C-alpha cells in the first residue's frame, strides 16, 4: 500500500475538518447576513452531495449491485435512526433562530453533528478507494459544507441568544468541555470525519469486497442528510428559487465532471 494516497487522503480529510473553523469568523455578523451566507453555502453543499452520492451509487452498482443496494438501505436507516436519537422536540435544527439552551439539548446537538461527520468521513474514504481524485474532491465539497455547519454551531452555542453568562462559553453541556473557544469546539465535532475517512479507506484496502457495501451505505447516508438537513435548512434561510438554482447547478457540475473523478 503506497504512502502517497494515504497521506493525500489524510491531508484532505484534515483540511475539510479544519475548514469548519472558518464558520466561526461570521459570529459577529447580523442574523440577516448569516441567513444569506448559510443559504448559499448549504445550497451548494446540498448539490455537491447529491452529485457525489450519484457517483458513489454509480460506482457501487458497477461493482456489485446487490451489495450497493443493501448498503444504501443500511445508510438511510442509520441516518434515520441517528436523527430520531439525537434530534430534539424542543428546538428546530433547521431554524437558525432556534437555540438549544438546556444541557441535554446542547449535547444532542453536538452529538448529531459528530455522527453526521462520521458518515461524511466514511464517504470520503469510500470515494478515495474508488479513485483518489474522487475522494479528494468529495473532501473539498464537504469542506464547503463544514464552513456553513461551523456557522450554525457557533451561532447556536456562542451567540448572545445562546448564552447570557459568558460570550465565549457553551451553556453548560454535560458531555463537552465548557471552556473551549468556538474554533476548537467545532474541530472536535469534526474529528470523526478524519477517523472514519482513514478507517474506511484502510478497511477497503484490506477487504476489497466491502467496497460496494460502503459505497451504497455512504450514498444512502448522504442522500438522507441532504434531504433532511441541508436542503430544508437552505430553503429556510433564503429564497427558494436561488436555493434550487445553486443546488441544481452544483449537482450538475459534479455529474458532468464524473469522467474526471472515475
Protein backbone atom coordinates (compact mmCIF):
# COMPACT_ATOMS: atom_id res chain seq x y z
CA UNK A 1 0.00 0.00 0.00
CA UNK A 2 1.61 3.26 -1.16
CA UNK A 3 2.02 6.03 1.40
CA UNK A 4 1.26 8.79 -1.13
CA UNK A 5 -2.53 8.26 -1.40
CA UNK A 6 -2.77 7.70 2.34
CA UNK A 7 -1.01 10.99 3.07
CA UNK A 8 -3.07 12.83 0.45
CA UNK A 9 -6.30 11.47 1.93
CA UNK A 10 -5.23 12.34 5.48
CA UNK A 11 -4.37 15.89 4.49
CA UNK A 12 -7.63 16.33 2.52
CA UNK A 13 -9.80 14.98 5.36
CA UNK A 14 -7.96 17.15 7.89
CA UNK A 15 -8.33 20.28 5.76
CA UNK A 16 -12.05 19.55 5.37
CA UNK A 17 -12.40 19.28 9.15
CA UNK A 18 -10.34 22.41 9.81
CA UNK A 19 -12.43 24.35 7.29
CA UNK A 20 -15.17 24.27 9.92
CA UNK A 21 -13.21 26.89 11.87
CA UNK A 22 -13.89 29.41 9.10
CA UNK A 23 -17.51 29.27 10.17
CA UNK A 24 -16.55 30.95 13.46
CA UNK A 25 -15.49 34.15 11.66
CA UNK A 26 -19.03 35.49 10.98
CA UNK A 27 -20.01 35.09 14.65
CA UNK A 28 -20.46 38.86 14.92
CA UNK A 29 -22.49 39.14 11.68
CA UNK A 30 -26.13 40.13 11.95
CA UNK A 31 -28.74 37.41 11.54
CA UNK A 32 -29.81 38.58 8.07
CA UNK A 33 -26.26 38.31 6.71
CA UNK A 34 -25.85 34.89 8.32
CA UNK A 35 -29.04 33.68 6.68
CA UNK A 36 -27.90 34.68 3.18
CA UNK A 37 -24.43 33.17 3.60
CA UNK A 38 -25.76 29.95 5.11
CA UNK A 39 -28.43 29.55 2.46
CA UNK A 40 -25.83 29.83 -0.31
CA UNK A 41 -23.32 27.54 1.44
CA UNK A 42 -25.90 24.87 2.23
CA UNK A 43 -27.42 25.06 -1.27
CA UNK A 44 -24.06 24.45 -2.95
CA UNK A 45 -23.16 21.75 -0.42
CA UNK A 46 -26.51 20.01 -1.00
CA UNK A 47 -25.95 19.98 -4.75
CA UNK A 48 -22.43 18.66 -4.36
CA UNK A 49 -23.64 15.90 -2.02
CA UNK A 50 -26.37 14.89 -4.46
CA UNK A 51 -23.81 14.71 -7.27
CA UNK A 52 -21.31 12.87 -5.09
CA UNK A 53 -24.00 10.45 -3.93
CA UNK A 54 -24.82 9.74 -7.56
CA UNK A 55 -21.17 8.99 -8.36
CA UNK A 56 -20.84 6.74 -5.30
CA UNK A 57 -24.02 4.89 -6.25
CA UNK A 58 -22.86 4.52 -9.85
CA UNK A 59 -19.53 3.07 -8.74
CA UNK A 60 -21.24 0.69 -6.31
CA UNK A 61 -23.76 -0.58 -8.85
CA UNK A 62 -21.00 -1.25 -11.35
CA UNK A 63 -19.12 -3.24 -8.72
CA UNK A 64 -21.86 -5.35 -7.07
CA UNK A 65 -25.45 -4.07 -7.34
CA UNK A 66 -26.97 -6.19 -4.56
CA UNK A 67 -24.36 -5.12 -2.01
CA UNK A 68 -24.67 -1.48 -3.07
CA UNK A 69 -28.46 -1.52 -2.69
CA UNK A 70 -28.19 -3.20 0.71
CA UNK A 71 -25.64 -0.58 1.76
CA UNK A 72 -27.94 2.25 0.65
CA UNK A 73 -30.79 0.84 2.74
CA UNK A 74 -28.48 0.49 5.75
CA UNK A 75 -27.08 4.00 5.27
CA UNK A 76 -30.54 5.55 5.08
CA UNK A 77 -31.73 3.53 8.07
CA UNK A 78 -28.66 4.55 10.09
CA UNK A 79 -29.28 8.21 9.29
CA UNK A 80 -32.97 7.89 10.16
CA UNK A 81 -32.12 6.24 13.49
CA UNK A 82 -29.48 8.87 14.19
CA UNK A 83 -31.93 11.69 13.60
CA UNK A 84 -34.51 10.08 15.89
CA UNK A 85 -31.97 9.52 18.67
CA UNK A 86 -30.09 12.83 18.55
CA UNK A 87 -32.95 15.03 17.37
CA UNK A 88 -34.93 17.25 19.70
CA UNK A 89 -38.56 18.20 20.07
CA UNK A 90 -37.64 21.35 21.99
CA UNK A 91 -35.82 23.16 19.18
CA UNK A 92 -35.91 23.01 15.40
CA UNK A 93 -32.46 22.18 13.99
CA UNK A 94 -33.49 23.65 10.63
CA UNK A 95 -34.34 27.03 12.17
CA UNK A 96 -31.35 29.31 12.78
CA UNK A 97 -33.21 31.23 15.48
CA UNK A 98 -33.99 28.05 17.41
CA UNK A 99 -31.38 27.79 20.18
CA UNK A 100 -30.68 24.71 22.37
CA UNK A 101 -30.28 26.17 25.86
CA UNK A 102 -30.67 23.11 28.09
CA UNK A 103 -27.58 20.95 28.74
CA UNK A 104 -29.14 17.81 27.26
CA UNK A 105 -30.23 19.72 24.16
CA UNK A 106 -26.70 21.05 23.65
CA UNK A 107 -25.32 17.53 23.99
CA UNK A 108 -27.79 16.19 21.44
CA UNK A 109 -26.94 18.95 19.01
CA UNK A 110 -23.18 18.34 19.28
CA UNK A 111 -23.56 14.56 19.09
CA UNK A 112 -25.70 14.89 15.98
CA UNK A 113 -23.00 16.98 14.33
CA UNK A 114 -20.32 14.46 15.31
CA UNK A 115 -22.25 11.44 14.00
CA UNK A 116 -23.01 13.27 10.76
CA UNK A 117 -19.28 13.95 10.44
CA UNK A 118 -18.62 10.23 10.79
CA UNK A 119 -20.92 9.40 7.85
CA UNK A 120 -19.30 12.11 5.75
CA UNK A 121 -15.85 10.80 6.61
CA UNK A 122 -16.84 7.29 5.54
CA UNK A 123 -17.99 8.76 2.22
CA UNK A 124 -14.59 10.39 1.70
CA UNK A 125 -12.79 7.12 2.45
CA UNK A 126 -15.04 5.04 0.19
CA UNK A 127 -14.73 7.56 -2.64
CA UNK A 128 -10.94 7.57 -2.32
CA UNK A 129 -10.92 3.77 -2.51
CA UNK A 130 -12.67 4.02 -5.90
CA UNK A 131 -10.40 6.79 -7.20
CA UNK A 132 -8.21 9.14 -5.19
CA UNK A 133 -9.32 12.26 -7.16
CA UNK A 134 -12.94 11.45 -6.30
CA UNK A 135 -12.09 11.20 -2.61
CA UNK A 136 -10.15 14.46 -2.68
CA UNK A 137 -12.97 16.23 -4.48
CA UNK A 138 -15.55 14.97 -2.02
CA UNK A 139 -13.35 16.19 0.84
CA UNK A 140 -13.23 19.63 -0.78
CA UNK A 141 -17.01 19.60 -1.21
CA UNK A 142 -17.51 18.70 2.44
CA UNK A 143 -15.12 21.49 3.43
CA UNK A 144 -17.61 23.96 1.89
CA UNK A 145 -20.41 22.32 3.83
CA UNK A 146 -18.34 22.33 7.03
CA UNK A 147 -17.94 26.11 6.88
CA UNK A 148 -21.70 26.53 6.94
CA UNK A 149 -22.03 23.95 9.69
CA UNK A 150 -19.42 25.81 11.72
CA UNK A 151 -21.50 28.98 11.39
CA UNK A 152 -24.56 27.15 12.70
CA UNK A 153 -22.64 25.64 15.62
CA UNK A 154 -21.10 28.92 16.73
CA UNK A 155 -24.34 30.86 16.31
CA UNK A 156 -26.33 28.40 18.42
CA UNK A 157 -23.72 27.91 21.12
CA UNK A 158 -21.80 31.18 21.36
CA UNK A 159 -24.11 33.95 20.14
CA UNK A 160 -25.75 36.31 22.69
CA UNK A 161 -29.03 34.46 22.14
CA UNK A 162 -27.42 31.18 23.20
CA UNK A 163 -25.70 32.21 26.40
CA UNK A 164 -26.05 35.08 28.84
CA UNK A 165 -23.37 34.02 31.31
CA UNK A 166 -20.22 34.34 29.18
CA UNK A 167 -19.83 35.20 25.47
CA UNK A 168 -17.19 32.54 24.88
CA UNK A 169 -18.56 29.58 26.80
CA UNK A 170 -21.01 26.88 25.83
CA UNK A 171 -24.12 26.95 28.07
CA UNK A 172 -23.23 24.07 30.40
CA UNK A 173 -23.37 20.93 28.24
CA UNK A 174 -23.00 17.68 30.15
CA UNK A 175 -20.58 15.76 27.89
CA UNK A 176 -18.40 18.51 26.40
CA UNK A 177 -15.75 20.91 27.77
CA UNK A 178 -17.34 24.24 28.71
CA UNK A 179 -14.26 26.42 28.18
CA UNK A 180 -13.38 25.60 24.57
CA UNK A 181 -13.24 28.56 22.17
CA UNK A 182 -15.53 28.30 19.13
CA UNK A 183 -12.80 27.22 16.69
CA UNK A 184 -11.65 24.39 18.98
CA UNK A 185 -15.14 23.05 19.67
CA UNK A 186 -16.18 22.86 16.03
CA UNK A 187 -12.97 20.98 15.18
CA UNK A 188 -13.68 18.48 17.98
CA UNK A 189 -17.08 17.71 16.44
CA UNK A 190 -15.34 17.07 13.09
CA UNK A 191 -12.69 14.64 14.34
CA UNK A 192 -14.91 11.62 13.48
CA UNK A 193 -14.77 12.76 9.85
CA UNK A 194 -10.99 12.28 9.75
CA UNK A 195 -11.08 8.99 11.67
CA UNK A 196 -13.82 7.44 9.52
CA UNK A 197 -12.25 8.65 6.26
CA UNK A 198 -9.00 6.87 7.05
CA UNK A 199 -10.66 3.88 8.69
CA UNK A 200 -13.00 3.23 5.76
CA UNK A 201 -10.17 3.58 3.25
CA UNK A 202 -7.94 1.14 5.17
CA UNK A 203 -10.78 -1.35 5.63
CA UNK A 204 -11.47 -1.41 1.89
CA UNK A 205 -7.78 -1.86 1.11
CA UNK A 206 -7.68 -4.90 3.41
CA UNK A 207 -11.13 -6.20 2.44
CA UNK A 208 -11.96 -5.07 -1.13
CA UNK A 209 -15.29 -6.94 -1.07
CA UNK A 210 -16.54 -4.31 1.38
CA UNK A 211 -16.30 -1.54 -1.26
CA UNK A 212 -19.79 -1.80 -2.89
CA UNK A 213 -21.46 -2.05 0.54
CA UNK A 214 -19.53 1.00 1.74
CA UNK A 215 -20.37 2.95 -1.40
CA UNK A 216 -24.08 2.20 -1.03
CA UNK A 217 -24.04 2.97 2.70
CA UNK A 218 -22.36 6.34 2.29
CA UNK A 219 -24.54 7.28 -0.71
CA UNK A 220 -27.69 6.47 1.26
CA UNK A 221 -26.44 8.48 4.23
CA UNK A 222 -25.52 11.47 2.04
CA UNK A 223 -28.88 11.46 0.27
CA UNK A 224 -30.74 11.25 3.60
CA UNK A 225 -28.70 14.07 5.17
CA UNK A 226 -29.18 16.22 2.09
CA UNK A 227 -32.96 15.78 2.06
CA UNK A 228 -33.49 16.14 5.82
CA UNK A 229 -30.82 18.67 6.81
CA UNK A 230 -29.15 20.61 4.02
CA UNK A 231 -31.99 21.46 1.65
CA UNK A 232 -34.64 22.20 4.34
CA UNK A 233 -32.16 24.46 6.15
CA UNK A 234 -31.17 26.22 2.91
CA UNK A 235 -34.83 26.79 1.99
CA UNK A 236 -35.49 28.17 5.46
CA UNK A 237 -32.74 30.80 5.22
CA UNK A 238 -33.06 32.04 1.63
CA UNK A 239 -35.27 32.37 -1.44
CA UNK A 240 -36.43 29.04 -2.80
CA UNK A 241 -35.56 29.77 -6.43
CA UNK A 242 -31.97 30.70 -5.56
CA UNK A 243 -31.59 27.59 -3.42
CA UNK A 244 -32.89 25.41 -6.25
CA UNK A 245 -30.61 27.13 -8.79
CA UNK A 246 -27.44 26.76 -6.73
CA UNK A 247 -28.24 23.19 -5.70
CA UNK A 248 -29.08 22.08 -9.24
CA UNK A 249 -26.03 23.79 -10.75
CA UNK A 250 -23.66 22.25 -8.19
CA UNK A 251 -25.12 18.75 -8.69
CA UNK A 252 -24.95 19.10 -12.48
CA UNK A 253 -21.30 20.19 -12.39
CA UNK A 254 -20.37 17.18 -10.28
CA UNK A 255 -22.22 14.72 -12.51
CA UNK A 256 -20.89 16.26 -15.71
CA UNK A 257 -17.38 16.04 -14.33
CA UNK A 258 -17.65 12.35 -13.49
CA UNK A 259 -15.19 11.40 -16.24
CA UNK A 260 -12.52 13.27 -14.27
CA UNK A 261 -13.28 11.57 -10.96
CA UNK A 262 -13.95 7.97 -12.08
